[in-house]
């Protein structure tokens, strides 16, 4: 059953729960499950913005899968850099998909919500920096490959968002691990901004359009930001939101889809550790 309710103006909304950088290890079984089991009462879907594991092993992925399996709402995820560390991202994806998680990498998914289509376009993203302070595709092969990785990722996000437009989605969400804007990095050392995101992701979002962009990765960053084109950006890294998940409401009536925040009912467990 879809759980749907009006915003303060009485408009129908989709309730989006989101969190990233939960960094679960093999010693974390059952840690977030109680919080996630509250989701059917307050959300229509859960977004996981990467760095779901500590080291990207299949064993850790099984812990994540158990936390979100059959929680009563659809779960959509992208991987993060930690989820690639053990060089077995395909196995991590397989474990999560076996548990019913929709894992995206340059792909989109459409969820039915009360007669409307809610679309999520997802990609891990990559680093490279932001306008005026970014890496260029010039010089050594290694530098060119670095920048091309960021560009390919952004191109795949643009393609996935275009698919959602073609599907006629009432709400479109861009889900990444790396940040598309520097706004949500405020609090991080400026020297590492180029390793926390890329302006190319924001260009893709603005070119294709979205109602909300969600990312993680920047543990010391800030929750709220915006692209140059006016798309709201939210950093949902768990250390930033300081809850098991954040909640956002997006109008479904085709009018301005600026998100409104709601206080999540589930604080971070006291023994939660990022590892």
C-alpha atoms as a PDB file:
ATOM      1  CA  UNK A   1       0.000   0.000   0.000  1.00  0.00           C
ATOM      2  CA  UNK A   2       1.319   3.434  -0.891  1.00  0.00           C
ATOM      3  CA  UNK A   3       1.504   5.860   1.981  1.00  0.00           C
ATOM      4  CA  UNK A   4       0.730   9.319   0.748  1.00  0.00           C
ATOM      5  CA  UNK A   5      -0.278  12.523   2.426  1.00  0.00           C
ATOM      6  CA  UNK A   6      -0.647  16.230   1.719  1.00  0.00           C
ATOM      7  CA  UNK A   7       1.893  18.940   2.382  1.00  0.00           C
ATOM      8  CA  UNK A   8       1.072  22.113   4.296  1.00  0.00           C
ATOM      9  CA  UNK A   9      -0.905  23.453   1.312  1.00  0.00           C
ATOM     10  CA  UNK A  10      -2.958  20.290   0.954  1.00  0.00           C
ATOM     11  CA  UNK A  11      -1.159  19.078  -2.172  1.00  0.00           C
ATOM     12  CA  UNK A  12      -0.424  15.345  -2.529  1.00  0.00           C
ATOM     13  CA  UNK A  13       3.220  14.470  -1.934  1.00  0.00           C
ATOM     14  CA  UNK A  14       5.641  11.596  -2.190  1.00  0.00           C
ATOM     15  CA  UNK A  15       7.604  11.000   1.007  1.00  0.00           C
ATOM     16  CA  UNK A  16      11.268  10.254   0.312  1.00  0.00           C
ATOM     17  CA  UNK A  17      13.522   8.764   2.993  1.00  0.00           C
ATOM     18  CA  UNK A  18      17.242   8.958   2.244  1.00  0.00           C
ATOM     19  CA  UNK A  19      20.582   8.177   3.845  1.00  0.00           C
ATOM     20  CA  UNK A  20      24.129   7.529   2.702  1.00  0.00           C
ATOM     21  CA  UNK A  21      27.447   6.533   4.240  1.00  0.00           C
ATOM     22  CA  UNK A  22      26.076   4.012   6.692  1.00  0.00           C
ATOM     23  CA  UNK A  23      29.335   2.019   6.339  1.00  0.00           C
ATOM     24  CA  UNK A  24      28.035  -1.242   7.757  1.00  0.00           C
ATOM     25  CA  UNK A  25      30.524  -3.934   8.699  1.00  0.00           C
ATOM     26  CA  UNK A  26      30.017  -7.549   9.661  1.00  0.00           C
ATOM     27  CA  UNK A  27      29.602  -6.478  13.290  1.00  0.00           C
ATOM     28  CA  UNK A  28      26.624  -4.228  12.499  1.00  0.00           C
ATOM     29  CA  UNK A  29      23.908  -6.824  11.893  1.00  0.00           C
ATOM     30  CA  UNK A  30      20.522  -5.542  13.027  1.00  0.00           C
ATOM     31  CA  UNK A  31      21.802  -2.074  13.892  1.00  0.00           C
ATOM     32  CA  UNK A  32      19.604  -0.023  11.569  1.00  0.00           C
ATOM     33  CA  UNK A  33      16.829  -2.551  11.035  1.00  0.00           C
ATOM     34  CA  UNK A  34      14.572  -1.160  13.813  1.00  0.00           C
ATOM     35  CA  UNK A  35      14.752   2.325  12.302  1.00  0.00           C
ATOM     36  CA  UNK A  36      14.136   1.090   8.760  1.00  0.00           C
ATOM     37  CA  UNK A  37      11.129  -0.916   9.922  1.00  0.00           C
ATOM     38  CA  UNK A  38       9.411   2.384  10.789  1.00  0.00           C
ATOM     39  CA  UNK A  39       9.519   3.508   7.154  1.00  0.00           C
ATOM     40  CA  UNK A  40       6.115   2.170   6.045  1.00  0.00           C
ATOM     41  CA  UNK A  41       4.552   4.597   8.498  1.00  0.00           C
ATOM     42  CA  UNK A  42       6.297   7.698   7.171  1.00  0.00           C
ATOM     43  CA  UNK A  43       7.792   7.167   3.693  1.00  0.00           C
ATOM     44  CA  UNK A  44       7.024   5.868   0.216  1.00  0.00           C
ATOM     45  CA  UNK A  45      10.600   4.874  -0.680  1.00  0.00           C
ATOM     46  CA  UNK A  46      14.127   4.706   0.721  1.00  0.00           C
ATOM     47  CA  UNK A  47      17.164   6.041  -1.141  1.00  0.00           C
ATOM     48  CA  UNK A  48      20.654   4.794  -0.235  1.00  0.00           C
ATOM     49  CA  UNK A  49      23.342   7.217  -1.412  1.00  0.00           C
ATOM     50  CA  UNK A  50      26.370   4.913  -1.458  1.00  0.00           C
ATOM     51  CA  UNK A  51      29.108   3.840   0.947  1.00  0.00           C
ATOM     52  CA  UNK A  52      26.783   1.215   2.307  1.00  0.00           C
ATOM     53  CA  UNK A  53      29.692  -0.997   3.386  1.00  0.00           C
ATOM     54  CA  UNK A  54      33.060  -0.342   5.000  1.00  0.00           C
ATOM     55  CA  UNK A  55      35.282  -2.141   2.512  1.00  0.00           C
ATOM     56  CA  UNK A  56      33.002  -3.351  -0.271  1.00  0.00           C
ATOM     57  CA  UNK A  57      32.996  -7.061   0.559  1.00  0.00           C
ATOM     58  CA  UNK A  58      30.175  -9.477  -0.175  1.00  0.00           C
ATOM     59  CA  UNK A  59      29.950 -10.335   3.537  1.00  0.00           C
ATOM     60  CA  UNK A  60      29.348  -6.683   4.406  1.00  0.00           C
ATOM     61  CA  UNK A  61      26.844  -6.383   1.569  1.00  0.00           C
ATOM     62  CA  UNK A  62      24.879  -9.251   3.098  1.00  0.00           C
ATOM     63  CA  UNK A  63      24.611  -7.250   6.324  1.00  0.00           C
ATOM     64  CA  UNK A  64      23.253  -4.260   4.382  1.00  0.00           C
ATOM     65  CA  UNK A  65      20.843  -6.501   2.493  1.00  0.00           C
ATOM     66  CA  UNK A  66      19.448  -7.909   5.724  1.00  0.00           C
ATOM     67  CA  UNK A  67      18.895  -4.395   7.101  1.00  0.00           C
ATOM     68  CA  UNK A  68      16.662  -3.353   4.183  1.00  0.00           C
ATOM     69  CA  UNK A  69      15.098  -6.598   2.931  1.00  0.00           C
ATOM     70  CA  UNK A  70      11.280  -6.609   3.006  1.00  0.00           C
ATOM     71  CA  UNK A  71      10.975  -3.372   4.989  1.00  0.00           C
ATOM     72  CA  UNK A  72       7.701  -2.476   3.277  1.00  0.00           C
ATOM     73  CA  UNK A  73       8.883   0.309   0.947  1.00  0.00           C
ATOM     74  CA  UNK A  74      10.954   0.171  -2.271  1.00  0.00           C
ATOM     75  CA  UNK A  75      14.697   0.642  -1.768  1.00  0.00           C
ATOM     76  CA  UNK A  76      16.823   2.318  -4.457  1.00  0.00           C
ATOM     77  CA  UNK A  77      20.612   2.566  -4.117  1.00  0.00           C
ATOM     78  CA  UNK A  78      23.858   3.571  -5.741  1.00  0.00           C
ATOM     79  CA  UNK A  79      27.270   2.343  -4.664  1.00  0.00           C
ATOM     80  CA  UNK A  80      29.982   4.551  -3.202  1.00  0.00           C
ATOM     81  CA  UNK A  81      33.767   4.470  -3.281  1.00  0.00           C
ATOM     82  CA  UNK A  82      33.909   2.246  -0.157  1.00  0.00           C
ATOM     83  CA  UNK A  83      31.669  -0.271  -1.914  1.00  0.00           C
ATOM     84  CA  UNK A  84      34.339  -0.584  -4.625  1.00  0.00           C
ATOM     85  CA  UNK A  85      37.356  -0.974  -2.336  1.00  0.00           C
ATOM     86  CA  UNK A  86      37.517  -4.794  -2.349  1.00  0.00           C
ATOM     87  CA  UNK A  87      37.253  -4.818  -6.156  1.00  0.00           C
ATOM     88  CA  UNK A  88      34.051  -6.838  -6.123  1.00  0.00           C
ATOM     89  CA  UNK A  89      31.294  -4.274  -6.784  1.00  0.00           C
ATOM     90  CA  UNK A  90      29.468  -6.738  -9.033  1.00  0.00           C
ATOM     91  CA  UNK A  91      29.104  -9.130  -6.111  1.00  0.00           C
ATOM     92  CA  UNK A  92      27.944  -6.317  -3.813  1.00  0.00           C
ATOM     93  CA  UNK A  93      25.313  -5.361  -6.400  1.00  0.00           C
ATOM     94  CA  UNK A  94      24.208  -8.986  -6.781  1.00  0.00           C
ATOM     95  CA  UNK A  95      23.732  -9.423  -3.032  1.00  0.00           C
ATOM     96  CA  UNK A  96      21.717  -6.210  -2.761  1.00  0.00           C
ATOM     97  CA  UNK A  97      19.562  -6.989  -5.781  1.00  0.00           C
ATOM     98  CA  UNK A  98      18.833 -10.461  -4.433  1.00  0.00           C
ATOM     99  CA  UNK A  99      17.363  -8.676  -1.403  1.00  0.00           C
ATOM    100  CA  UNK A 100      15.114  -6.577  -3.632  1.00  0.00           C
ATOM    101  CA  UNK A 101      17.204  -3.396  -3.730  1.00  0.00           C
ATOM    102  CA  UNK A 102      17.174  -1.535  -7.039  1.00  0.00           C
ATOM    103  CA  UNK A 103      20.865  -0.704  -7.530  1.00  0.00           C
ATOM    104  CA  UNK A 104      21.467   1.908 -10.223  1.00  0.00           C
ATOM    105  CA  UNK A 105      24.600   2.842 -12.159  1.00  0.00           C
ATOM    106  CA  UNK A 106      23.682   5.088 -15.062  1.00  0.00           C
ATOM    107  CA  UNK A 107      20.177   3.647 -14.961  1.00  0.00           C
ATOM    108  CA  UNK A 108      16.713   4.759 -13.893  1.00  0.00           C
ATOM    109  CA  UNK A 109      13.756   3.203 -12.156  1.00  0.00           C
ATOM    110  CA  UNK A 110      10.114   4.284 -12.014  1.00  0.00           C
ATOM    111  CA  UNK A 111       7.965   3.698  -8.935  1.00  0.00           C
ATOM    112  CA  UNK A 112       4.161   3.997  -8.901  1.00  0.00           C
ATOM    113  CA  UNK A 113       2.904   6.284  -6.149  1.00  0.00           C
ATOM    114  CA  UNK A 114      -0.848   6.878  -5.864  1.00  0.00           C
ATOM    115  CA  UNK A 115      -1.411   6.934  -9.609  1.00  0.00           C
ATOM    116  CA  UNK A 116       1.726   8.993 -10.289  1.00  0.00           C
ATOM    117  CA  UNK A 117       5.153   7.969 -11.537  1.00  0.00           C
ATOM    118  CA  UNK A 118       8.125   8.760  -9.303  1.00  0.00           C
ATOM    119  CA  UNK A 119      11.441   8.323 -11.064  1.00  0.00           C
ATOM    120  CA  UNK A 120      14.946   7.897  -9.689  1.00  0.00           C
ATOM    121  CA  UNK A 121      18.072   8.218 -11.843  1.00  0.00           C
ATOM    122  CA  UNK A 122      21.208   6.926 -10.181  1.00  0.00           C
ATOM    123  CA  UNK A 123      24.956   6.896 -10.665  1.00  0.00           C
ATOM    124  CA  UNK A 124      27.886   6.746  -8.255  1.00  0.00           C
ATOM    125  CA  UNK A 125      29.471   9.798  -9.795  1.00  0.00           C
ATOM    126  CA  UNK A 126      33.107  10.733  -9.433  1.00  0.00           C
ATOM    127  CA  UNK A 127      35.404  13.542  -8.354  1.00  0.00           C
ATOM    128  CA  UNK A 128      37.153  16.295 -10.300  1.00  0.00           C
ATOM    129  CA  UNK A 129      36.109  19.545  -8.673  1.00  0.00           C
ATOM    130  CA  UNK A 130      33.829  22.453  -9.384  1.00  0.00           C
ATOM    131  CA  UNK A 131      33.615  25.423 -11.722  1.00  0.00           C
ATOM    132  CA  UNK A 132      36.824  27.438 -11.594  1.00  0.00           C
ATOM    133  CA  UNK A 133      38.556  24.783  -9.468  1.00  0.00           C
ATOM    134  CA  UNK A 134      38.298  21.613 -11.517  1.00  0.00           C
ATOM    135  CA  UNK A 135      40.559  19.116 -13.217  1.00  0.00           C
ATOM    136  CA  UNK A 136      40.923  19.348 -16.990  1.00  0.00           C
ATOM    137  CA  UNK A 137      41.208  16.652 -19.634  1.00  0.00           C
ATOM    138  CA  UNK A 138      44.764  17.606 -20.530  1.00  0.00           C
ATOM    139  CA  UNK A 139      48.276  16.238 -20.101  1.00  0.00           C
ATOM    140  CA  UNK A 140      49.153  12.761 -18.945  1.00  0.00           C
ATOM    141  CA  UNK A 141      47.014   9.752 -19.890  1.00  0.00           C
ATOM    142  CA  UNK A 142      46.264   9.224 -16.203  1.00  0.00           C
ATOM    143  CA  UNK A 143      44.793  12.744 -15.871  1.00  0.00           C
ATOM    144  CA  UNK A 144      42.770  12.364 -19.044  1.00  0.00           C
ATOM    145  CA  UNK A 145      41.398   9.033 -17.833  1.00  0.00           C
ATOM    146  CA  UNK A 146      40.530  10.594 -14.466  1.00  0.00           C
ATOM    147  CA  UNK A 147      38.490  13.401 -16.024  1.00  0.00           C
ATOM    148  CA  UNK A 148      36.902  11.113 -18.609  1.00  0.00           C
ATOM    149  CA  UNK A 149      35.658   8.902 -15.788  1.00  0.00           C
ATOM    150  CA  UNK A 150      33.877  11.897 -14.265  1.00  0.00           C
ATOM    151  CA  UNK A 151      32.455  12.925 -17.639  1.00  0.00           C
ATOM    152  CA  UNK A 152      31.190   9.437 -18.482  1.00  0.00           C
ATOM    153  CA  UNK A 153      29.476   9.243 -15.111  1.00  0.00           C
ATOM    154  CA  UNK A 154      27.750  12.582 -15.638  1.00  0.00           C
ATOM    155  CA  UNK A 155      26.710  11.579 -19.151  1.00  0.00           C
ATOM    156  CA  UNK A 156      25.141   8.403 -17.792  1.00  0.00           C
ATOM    157  CA  UNK A 157      23.230  10.399 -15.190  1.00  0.00           C
ATOM    158  CA  UNK A 158      21.948  12.731 -17.908  1.00  0.00           C
ATOM    159  CA  UNK A 159      20.789   9.742 -19.942  1.00  0.00           C
ATOM    160  CA  UNK A 160      19.003   8.210 -16.966  1.00  0.00           C
ATOM    161  CA  UNK A 161      17.225  11.493 -16.180  1.00  0.00           C
ATOM    162  CA  UNK A 162      16.172  11.786 -19.817  1.00  0.00           C
ATOM    163  CA  UNK A 163      14.583   8.340 -19.539  1.00  0.00           C
ATOM    164  CA  UNK A 164      12.482   9.584 -16.627  1.00  0.00           C
ATOM    165  CA  UNK A 165      11.329  12.570 -18.659  1.00  0.00           C
ATOM    166  CA  UNK A 166      10.300  10.210 -21.450  1.00  0.00           C
ATOM    167  CA  UNK A 167       8.311   8.151 -18.932  1.00  0.00           C
ATOM    168  CA  UNK A 168       6.385  11.260 -17.877  1.00  0.00           C
ATOM    169  CA  UNK A 169       7.367  11.076 -14.216  1.00  0.00           C
ATOM    170  CA  UNK A 170       5.620  13.513 -11.881  1.00  0.00           C
ATOM    171  CA  UNK A 171       8.770  13.639  -9.723  1.00  0.00           C
ATOM    172  CA  UNK A 172      12.356  13.023 -10.818  1.00  0.00           C
ATOM    173  CA  UNK A 173      15.184  12.446  -8.344  1.00  0.00           C
ATOM    174  CA  UNK A 174      18.915  12.297  -9.086  1.00  0.00           C
ATOM    175  CA  UNK A 175      20.696   9.903  -6.718  1.00  0.00           C
ATOM    176  CA  UNK A 176      24.505   9.971  -6.542  1.00  0.00           C
ATOM    177  CA  UNK A 177      27.266   9.295  -4.048  1.00  0.00           C
ATOM    178  CA  UNK A 178      29.608  12.119  -5.048  1.00  0.00           C
ATOM    179  CA  UNK A 179      28.324  15.667  -4.749  1.00  0.00           C
ATOM    180  CA  UNK A 180      27.160  17.741  -7.733  1.00  0.00           C
ATOM    181  CA  UNK A 181      27.697  21.076  -5.946  1.00  0.00           C
ATOM    182  CA  UNK A 182      30.176  22.631  -3.502  1.00  0.00           C
ATOM    183  CA  UNK A 183      27.382  24.034  -1.286  1.00  0.00           C
ATOM    184  CA  UNK A 184      26.840  20.749   0.521  1.00  0.00           C
ATOM    185  CA  UNK A 185      30.571  20.332   1.152  1.00  0.00           C
ATOM    186  CA  UNK A 186      30.763  23.327   3.493  1.00  0.00           C
ATOM    187  CA  UNK A 187      32.536  22.117   6.625  1.00  0.00           C
ATOM    188  CA  UNK A 188      34.966  19.884   4.736  1.00  0.00           C
ATOM    189  CA  UNK A 189      38.556  21.095   4.210  1.00  0.00           C
ATOM    190  CA  UNK A 190      38.526  23.131   0.957  1.00  0.00           C
ATOM    191  CA  UNK A 191      41.651  21.292  -0.166  1.00  0.00           C
ATOM    192  CA  UNK A 192      39.674  18.063  -0.645  1.00  0.00           C
ATOM    193  CA  UNK A 193      36.634  19.534  -2.452  1.00  0.00           C
ATOM    194  CA  UNK A 194      37.929  18.228  -5.815  1.00  0.00           C
ATOM    195  CA  UNK A 195      37.811  14.686  -4.393  1.00  0.00           C
ATOM    196  CA  UNK A 196      34.254  15.001  -3.089  1.00  0.00           C
ATOM    197  CA  UNK A 197      32.349  15.729  -6.283  1.00  0.00           C
ATOM    198  CA  UNK A 198      32.149  17.204  -9.744  1.00  0.00           C
ATOM    199  CA  UNK A 199      30.337  20.112 -11.374  1.00  0.00           C
ATOM    200  CA  UNK A 200      29.676  17.797 -14.327  1.00  0.00           C
ATOM    201  CA  UNK A 201      26.993  16.038 -12.265  1.00  0.00           C
ATOM    202  CA  UNK A 202      25.233  19.365 -11.664  1.00  0.00           C
ATOM    203  CA  UNK A 203      25.429  20.208 -15.360  1.00  0.00           C
ATOM    204  CA  UNK A 204      23.744  16.898 -16.176  1.00  0.00           C
ATOM    205  CA  UNK A 205      21.029  17.510 -13.583  1.00  0.00           C
ATOM    206  CA  UNK A 206      20.336  21.025 -14.817  1.00  0.00           C
ATOM    207  CA  UNK A 207      20.388  20.007 -18.470  1.00  0.00           C
ATOM    208  CA  UNK A 208      17.834  17.236 -18.041  1.00  0.00           C
ATOM    209  CA  UNK A 209      15.899  18.560 -15.058  1.00  0.00           C
ATOM    210  CA  UNK A 210      15.138  17.067 -11.653  1.00  0.00           C
ATOM    211  CA  UNK A 211      13.067  17.921  -8.614  1.00  0.00           C
ATOM    212  CA  UNK A 212      15.668  16.834  -6.084  1.00  0.00           C
ATOM    213  CA  UNK A 213      19.289  15.676  -6.048  1.00  0.00           C
ATOM    214  CA  UNK A 214      20.500  13.456  -3.209  1.00  0.00           C
ATOM    215  CA  UNK A 215      24.109  12.489  -2.443  1.00  0.00           C
ATOM    216  CA  UNK A 216      26.442  11.417   0.355  1.00  0.00           C
ATOM    217  CA  UNK A 217      30.247  11.093   0.668  1.00  0.00           C
ATOM    218  CA  UNK A 218      30.953  14.380   2.512  1.00  0.00           C
ATOM    219  CA  UNK A 219      30.788  13.395   6.194  1.00  0.00           C
ATOM    220  CA  UNK A 220      31.677  16.894   7.443  1.00  0.00           C
ATOM    221  CA  UNK A 221      29.533  18.698   4.905  1.00  0.00           C
ATOM    222  CA  UNK A 222      26.185  20.497   4.996  1.00  0.00           C
ATOM    223  CA  UNK A 223      22.735  19.114   4.208  1.00  0.00           C
ATOM    224  CA  UNK A 224      21.319  21.861   1.980  1.00  0.00           C
ATOM    225  CA  UNK A 225      22.522  23.099  -1.400  1.00  0.00           C
ATOM    226  CA  UNK A 226      21.340  24.008  -4.875  1.00  0.00           C
ATOM    227  CA  UNK A 227      22.542  23.701  -8.460  1.00  0.00           C
ATOM    228  CA  UNK A 228      23.031  26.760 -10.644  1.00  0.00           C
ATOM    229  CA  UNK A 229      19.769  25.825 -12.364  1.00  0.00           C
ATOM    230  CA  UNK A 230      17.797  25.858  -9.117  1.00  0.00           C
ATOM    231  CA  UNK A 231      17.565  22.133  -8.343  1.00  0.00           C
ATOM    232  CA  UNK A 232      17.599  21.483  -4.601  1.00  0.00           C
ATOM    233  CA  UNK A 233      20.511  19.286  -3.443  1.00  0.00           C
ATOM    234  CA  UNK A 234      20.605  17.354  -0.179  1.00  0.00           C
ATOM    235  CA  UNK A 235      23.676  15.751   1.403  1.00  0.00           C
ATOM    236  CA  UNK A 236      22.256  12.767   3.291  1.00  0.00           C
ATOM    237  CA  UNK A 237      25.547  11.322   4.556  1.00  0.00           C
ATOM    238  CA  UNK A 238      24.573   9.840   7.909  1.00  0.00           C
ATOM    239  CA  UNK A 239      27.075  11.920   9.910  1.00  0.00           C
ATOM    240  CA  UNK A 240      25.505  15.045   8.368  1.00  0.00           C
ATOM    241  CA  UNK A 241      21.814  14.271   8.922  1.00  0.00           C
ATOM    242  CA  UNK A 242      22.550  12.631  12.321  1.00  0.00           C
ATOM    243  CA  UNK A 243      19.560  10.295  11.988  1.00  0.00           C
ATOM    244  CA  UNK A 244      18.981   6.869  10.526  1.00  0.00           C
ATOM    245  CA  UNK A 245      17.444   8.664   7.528  1.00  0.00           C
ATOM    246  CA  UNK A 246      16.218  12.069   6.411  1.00  0.00           C
ATOM    247  CA  UNK A 247      12.690  12.656   5.128  1.00  0.00           C
ATOM    248  CA  UNK A 248      11.693  14.931   2.253  1.00  0.00           C
ATOM    249  CA  UNK A 249       8.235  15.641   0.822  1.00  0.00           C
ATOM    250  CA  UNK A 250       7.896  16.354  -2.901  1.00  0.00           C
ATOM    251  CA  UNK A 251       4.595  17.585  -4.408  1.00  0.00           C
ATOM    252  CA  UNK A 252       3.030  15.213  -6.929  1.00  0.00           C
ATOM    253  CA  UNK A 253       0.629  17.599  -8.618  1.00  0.00           C
ATOM    254  CA  UNK A 254       3.026  18.863 -11.278  1.00  0.00           C
ATOM    255  CA  UNK A 255       3.558  22.253  -9.656  1.00  0.00           C
ATOM    256  CA  UNK A 256       6.740  23.518  -8.006  1.00  0.00           C
ATOM    257  CA  UNK A 257       8.398  20.470  -6.485  1.00  0.00           C
ATOM    258  CA  UNK A 258      10.642  22.102  -3.912  1.00  0.00           C
ATOM    259  CA  UNK A 259      11.208  19.586  -1.141  1.00  0.00           C
ATOM    260  CA  UNK A 260      10.093  20.186   2.402  1.00  0.00           C
ATOM    261  CA  UNK A 261      11.826  18.462   5.267  1.00  0.00           C
ATOM    262  CA  UNK A 262      10.242  16.439   8.020  1.00  0.00           C
ATOM    263  CA  UNK A 263      11.875  15.379  11.267  1.00  0.00           C
ATOM    264  CA  UNK A 264      12.751  11.685  10.998  1.00  0.00           C
ATOM    265  CA  UNK A 265      11.391   9.538  13.793  1.00  0.00           C
ATOM    266  CA  UNK A 266      14.494   7.397  14.143  1.00  0.00           C
ATOM    267  CA  UNK A 267      17.728   8.754  15.646  1.00  0.00           C
ATOM    268  CA  UNK A 268      21.046   7.089  14.969  1.00  0.00           C
ATOM    269  CA  UNK A 269      21.531   4.076  17.254  1.00  0.00           C
ATOM    270  CA  UNK A 270      23.792   4.926  20.176  1.00  0.00           C
ATOM    271  CA  UNK A 271      26.359   2.281  19.276  1.00  0.00           C
ATOM    272  CA  UNK A 272      26.412   3.168  15.594  1.00  0.00           C
ATOM    273  CA  UNK A 273      29.976   3.298  14.264  1.00  0.00           C
ATOM    274  CA  UNK A 274      31.171   4.539  10.894  1.00  0.00           C
ATOM    275  CA  UNK A 275      34.292   2.406  10.831  1.00  0.00           C
END
